[in-house]
Amino acid sequence: MNRALRRQARPVFSIILALLLSACSSQPATVYEGLGGEPGLAAVVDNLLQRMAKDEQIARHFHDTDIALFREGLTEHLCDVADGPCEYGGEGMRATHKGLNITQADFDRLVQLLIYAMQEEGVPIAVRNDLLKRLAPMYGDVVYQ
């Protein structure tokens, strides 16, 4: 190959290489997709609910809760927060948590249980962090209400 032709091929080769590398390391379009869509989100929620039921610090807040209804609302809420096809139709976080006296320690523990659930379900760390980043601003509406 002559020198002029090689110089012309370099930019094309660079573009092709960049496209191939970006395809291999591409992030999901949404956090919802990164969670695995509906089945992945359901698995994370079910895993989380099992962990919550076994955790004394958290379980005490759910003695009078209809868990099936709670599961439905939590799934819808996380789906919405993760840019999935759902629109959360429940009450806002402040109203939902009013009078529950959730402490910072309770909030932190629930976050830790969510992290464990996502890890166990194979959710990539970047997706876990993105979801947690989206949930973090709700702290003030949940704690000490």
C-alpha atoms as a PDB file:
ATOM      1  CA  MET A   1       0.000   0.000   0.000  1.00  0.00           C
ATOM      2  CA  ASN A   2       1.468   3.331  -0.955  1.00  0.00           C
ATOM      3  CA  ARG A   3       2.093   6.056   1.615  1.00  0.00           C
ATOM      4  CA  ALA A   4      -0.744   8.379   0.446  1.00  0.00           C
ATOM      5  CA  LEU A   5      -3.295   5.569   0.602  1.00  0.00           C
ATOM      6  CA  ARG A   6      -2.181   4.616   4.125  1.00  0.00           C
ATOM      7  CA  ARG A   7      -2.598   8.220   5.291  1.00  0.00           C
ATOM      8  CA  GLN A   8      -6.129   8.294   3.892  1.00  0.00           C
ATOM      9  CA  ALA A   9      -6.986   4.970   5.538  1.00  0.00           C
ATOM     10  CA  ARG A  10      -5.889   6.052   9.043  1.00  0.00           C
ATOM     11  CA  PRO A  11      -8.898   8.312   9.787  1.00  0.00           C
ATOM     12  CA  VAL A  12     -11.302   5.675   8.472  1.00  0.00           C
ATOM     13  CA  PHE A  13      -9.586   2.988  10.559  1.00  0.00           C
ATOM     14  CA  SER A  14      -9.712   5.246  13.652  1.00  0.00           C
ATOM     15  CA  ILE A  15     -13.427   5.864  13.182  1.00  0.00           C
ATOM     16  CA  ILE A  16     -14.157   2.155  12.736  1.00  0.00           C
ATOM     17  CA  LEU A  17     -12.077   1.284  15.811  1.00  0.00           C
ATOM     18  CA  ALA A  18     -13.859   3.943  17.893  1.00  0.00           C
ATOM     19  CA  LEU A  19     -17.251   2.633  16.804  1.00  0.00           C
ATOM     20  CA  LEU A  20     -16.312  -0.952  17.616  1.00  0.00           C
ATOM     21  CA  LEU A  21     -14.967  -0.010  21.033  1.00  0.00           C
ATOM     22  CA  SER A  22     -18.017   2.084  21.873  1.00  0.00           C
ATOM     23  CA  ALA A  23     -20.308  -0.776  20.848  1.00  0.00           C
ATOM     24  CA  CYS A  24     -18.451  -3.175  23.128  1.00  0.00           C
ATOM     25  CA  SER A  25     -18.550  -0.865  26.125  1.00  0.00           C
ATOM     26  CA  SER A  26     -21.877   0.810  25.526  1.00  0.00           C
ATOM     27  CA  GLN A  27     -24.019   1.652  28.496  1.00  0.00           C
ATOM     28  CA  PRO A  28     -27.720   0.856  28.450  1.00  0.00           C
ATOM     29  CA  ALA A  29     -29.870   3.727  27.198  1.00  0.00           C
ATOM     30  CA  THR A  30     -31.711   3.933  30.542  1.00  0.00           C
ATOM     31  CA  VAL A  31     -31.187   2.772  34.101  1.00  0.00           C
ATOM     32  CA  TYR A  32     -34.319   0.672  33.606  1.00  0.00           C
ATOM     33  CA  GLU A  33     -32.619  -1.211  30.771  1.00  0.00           C
ATOM     34  CA  GLY A  34     -29.487  -1.564  32.909  1.00  0.00           C
ATOM     35  CA  LEU A  35     -31.596  -3.141  35.630  1.00  0.00           C
ATOM     36  CA  GLY A  36     -32.772  -5.706  33.089  1.00  0.00           C
ATOM     37  CA  GLY A  37     -36.120  -4.175  32.214  1.00  0.00           C
ATOM     38  CA  GLU A  38     -39.289  -5.481  33.853  1.00  0.00           C
ATOM     39  CA  PRO A  39     -37.930  -8.924  34.831  1.00  0.00           C
ATOM     40  CA  GLY A  40     -34.697  -7.491  36.226  1.00  0.00           C
ATOM     41  CA  LEU A  41     -36.482  -4.784  38.186  1.00  0.00           C
ATOM     42  CA  ALA A  42     -38.955  -7.338  39.575  1.00  0.00           C
ATOM     43  CA  ALA A  43     -36.049  -9.552  40.682  1.00  0.00           C
ATOM     44  CA  VAL A  44     -34.344  -6.626  42.447  1.00  0.00           C
ATOM     45  CA  VAL A  45     -37.584  -5.610  44.196  1.00  0.00           C
ATOM     46  CA  ASP A  46     -38.340  -9.187  45.291  1.00  0.00           C
ATOM     47  CA  ASN A  47     -34.786  -9.626  46.547  1.00  0.00           C
ATOM     48  CA  LEU A  48     -35.030  -6.332  48.434  1.00  0.00           C
ATOM     49  CA  LEU A  49     -38.376  -7.280  49.990  1.00  0.00           C
ATOM     50  CA  GLN A  50     -36.935 -10.579  51.219  1.00  0.00           C
ATOM     51  CA  ARG A  51     -34.010  -8.757  52.780  1.00  0.00           C
ATOM     52  CA  MET A  52     -36.312  -6.175  54.375  1.00  0.00           C
ATOM     53  CA  ALA A  53     -38.480  -8.908  55.902  1.00  0.00           C
ATOM     54  CA  LYS A  54     -35.426 -10.490  57.555  1.00  0.00           C
ATOM     55  CA  ASP A  55     -33.978  -7.227  58.843  1.00  0.00           C
ATOM     56  CA  GLU A  56     -35.337  -6.249  62.283  1.00  0.00           C
ATOM     57  CA  GLN A  57     -34.404  -2.594  61.870  1.00  0.00           C
ATOM     58  CA  ILE A  58     -36.421  -2.309  58.656  1.00  0.00           C
ATOM     59  CA  ALA A  59     -39.146  -4.937  59.124  1.00  0.00           C
ATOM     60  CA  ARG A  60     -40.601  -3.110  62.140  1.00  0.00           C
ATOM     61  CA  HIS A  61     -41.735  -0.310  59.818  1.00  0.00           C
ATOM     62  CA  PHE A  62     -43.843  -2.745  57.770  1.00  0.00           C
ATOM     63  CA  HIS A  63     -45.901  -4.655  60.370  1.00  0.00           C
ATOM     64  CA  ASP A  64     -49.184  -3.137  59.177  1.00  0.00           C
ATOM     65  CA  THR A  65     -48.283  -2.955  55.489  1.00  0.00           C
ATOM     66  CA  ASP A  66     -49.988  -4.799  52.654  1.00  0.00           C
ATOM     67  CA  ILE A  67     -46.775  -6.158  51.132  1.00  0.00           C
ATOM     68  CA  ALA A  68     -48.349  -6.981  47.754  1.00  0.00           C
ATOM     69  CA  LEU A  69     -49.561  -3.392  47.434  1.00  0.00           C
ATOM     70  CA  PHE A  70     -46.219  -2.070  48.676  1.00  0.00           C
ATOM     71  CA  ARG A  71     -44.373  -4.252  46.125  1.00  0.00           C
ATOM     72  CA  GLU A  72     -46.547  -2.874  43.338  1.00  0.00           C
ATOM     73  CA  GLY A  73     -45.944   0.737  44.381  1.00  0.00           C
ATOM     74  CA  LEU A  74     -42.216   0.247  44.914  1.00  0.00           C
ATOM     75  CA  THR A  75     -41.824  -1.441  41.540  1.00  0.00           C
ATOM     76  CA  GLU A  76     -43.751   1.346  39.818  1.00  0.00           C
ATOM     77  CA  HIS A  77     -41.762   4.017  41.634  1.00  0.00           C
ATOM     78  CA  LEU A  78     -38.361   2.492  40.830  1.00  0.00           C
ATOM     79  CA  CYS A  79     -39.435   1.922  37.223  1.00  0.00           C
ATOM     80  CA  ASP A  80     -40.376   5.592  36.913  1.00  0.00           C
ATOM     81  CA  VAL A  81     -37.181   6.817  38.609  1.00  0.00           C
ATOM     82  CA  ALA A  82     -35.127   4.555  36.309  1.00  0.00           C
ATOM     83  CA  ASP A  83     -36.728   6.028  33.155  1.00  0.00           C
ATOM     84  CA  GLY A  84     -38.758   2.911  32.483  1.00  0.00           C
ATOM     85  CA  PRO A  85     -42.172   2.807  30.839  1.00  0.00           C
ATOM     86  CA  CYS A  86     -43.986   3.335  34.157  1.00  0.00           C
ATOM     87  CA  GLU A  87     -45.428   6.466  35.664  1.00  0.00           C
ATOM     88  CA  TYR A  88     -45.588   6.419  39.453  1.00  0.00           C
ATOM     89  CA  GLY A  89     -49.130   7.230  40.496  1.00  0.00           C
ATOM     90  CA  GLY A  90     -48.763   6.963  44.265  1.00  0.00           C
ATOM     91  CA  GLU A  91     -48.449   9.661  46.860  1.00  0.00           C
ATOM     92  CA  GLY A  92     -45.256  11.682  47.109  1.00  0.00           C
ATOM     93  CA  MET A  93     -42.444  10.480  49.335  1.00  0.00           C
ATOM     94  CA  ARG A  94     -43.092  13.061  52.052  1.00  0.00           C
ATOM     95  CA  ALA A  95     -46.774  12.105  52.387  1.00  0.00           C
ATOM     96  CA  THR A  96     -46.032   8.384  52.206  1.00  0.00           C
ATOM     97  CA  HIS A  97     -43.473   8.541  55.005  1.00  0.00           C
ATOM     98  CA  LYS A  98     -45.196  11.073  57.255  1.00  0.00           C
ATOM     99  CA  GLY A  99     -45.445   9.850  60.826  1.00  0.00           C
ATOM    100  CA  LEU A 100     -43.209   6.819  60.273  1.00  0.00           C
ATOM    101  CA  ASN A 101     -40.274   8.412  62.104  1.00  0.00           C
ATOM    102  CA  ILE A 102     -37.721   6.883  59.789  1.00  0.00           C
ATOM    103  CA  THR A 103     -34.239   7.692  61.038  1.00  0.00           C
ATOM    104  CA  GLN A 104     -31.086   8.329  59.056  1.00  0.00           C
ATOM    105  CA  ALA A 105     -29.885   4.895  60.199  1.00  0.00           C
ATOM    106  CA  ASP A 106     -33.089   3.300  58.851  1.00  0.00           C
ATOM    107  CA  PHE A 107     -32.664   5.094  55.522  1.00  0.00           C
ATOM    108  CA  ASP A 108     -29.007   4.098  55.281  1.00  0.00           C
ATOM    109  CA  ARG A 109     -29.850   0.490  56.118  1.00  0.00           C
ATOM    110  CA  LEU A 110     -32.524   0.313  53.419  1.00  0.00           C
ATOM    111  CA  VAL A 111     -30.084   1.748  50.890  1.00  0.00           C
ATOM    112  CA  GLN A 112     -27.565  -0.919  51.916  1.00  0.00           C
ATOM    113  CA  LEU A 113     -30.192  -3.646  51.457  1.00  0.00           C
ATOM    114  CA  LEU A 114     -31.012  -2.244  48.014  1.00  0.00           C
ATOM    115  CA  ILE A 115     -27.321  -2.314  47.093  1.00  0.00           C
ATOM    116  CA  TYR A 116     -27.049  -5.949  48.249  1.00  0.00           C
ATOM    117  CA  ALA A 117     -30.163  -6.858  46.238  1.00  0.00           C
ATOM    118  CA  MET A 118     -28.830  -5.197  43.097  1.00  0.00           C
ATOM    119  CA  GLN A 119     -25.419  -6.847  43.537  1.00  0.00           C
ATOM    120  CA  GLU A 120     -26.977 -10.277  43.971  1.00  0.00           C
ATOM    121  CA  GLU A 121     -29.129  -9.762  40.872  1.00  0.00           C
ATOM    122  CA  GLY A 122     -26.069  -8.861  38.812  1.00  0.00           C
ATOM    123  CA  VAL A 123     -26.849  -5.195  38.212  1.00  0.00           C
ATOM    124  CA  PRO A 124     -23.682  -3.474  36.927  1.00  0.00           C
ATOM    125  CA  ILE A 125     -22.083  -1.028  39.365  1.00  0.00           C
ATOM    126  CA  ALA A 126     -22.580   1.969  37.044  1.00  0.00           C
ATOM    127  CA  VAL A 127     -26.316   1.231  36.896  1.00  0.00           C
ATOM    128  CA  ARG A 128     -26.496   0.736  40.684  1.00  0.00           C
ATOM    129  CA  ASN A 129     -24.765   4.072  41.226  1.00  0.00           C
ATOM    130  CA  ASP A 130     -27.020   5.837  38.738  1.00  0.00           C
ATOM    131  CA  LEU A 131     -30.167   4.527  40.436  1.00  0.00           C
ATOM    132  CA  LEU A 132     -28.860   5.478  43.886  1.00  0.00           C
ATOM    133  CA  LYS A 133     -27.978   8.958  42.597  1.00  0.00           C
ATOM    134  CA  ARG A 134     -31.577   9.353  41.449  1.00  0.00           C
ATOM    135  CA  LEU A 135     -33.004   8.151  44.772  1.00  0.00           C
ATOM    136  CA  ALA A 136     -30.684  10.201  47.019  1.00  0.00           C
ATOM    137  CA  PRO A 137     -32.595  13.511  46.694  1.00  0.00           C
ATOM    138  CA  MET A 138     -35.621  11.816  48.293  1.00  0.00           C
ATOM    139  CA  TYR A 139     -33.768  11.547  51.593  1.00  0.00           C
ATOM    140  CA  GLY A 140     -35.292  14.751  52.988  1.00  0.00           C
ATOM    141  CA  ASP A 141     -38.802  13.592  52.126  1.00  0.00           C
ATOM    142  CA  VAL A 142     -38.337  10.236  53.850  1.00  0.00           C
ATOM    143  CA  VAL A 143     -36.288  10.811  57.005  1.00  0.00           C
ATOM    144  CA  TYR A 144     -37.790  12.266  60.202  1.00  0.00           C
ATOM    145  CA  GLN A 145     -41.236  12.938  58.734  1.00  0.00           C
END
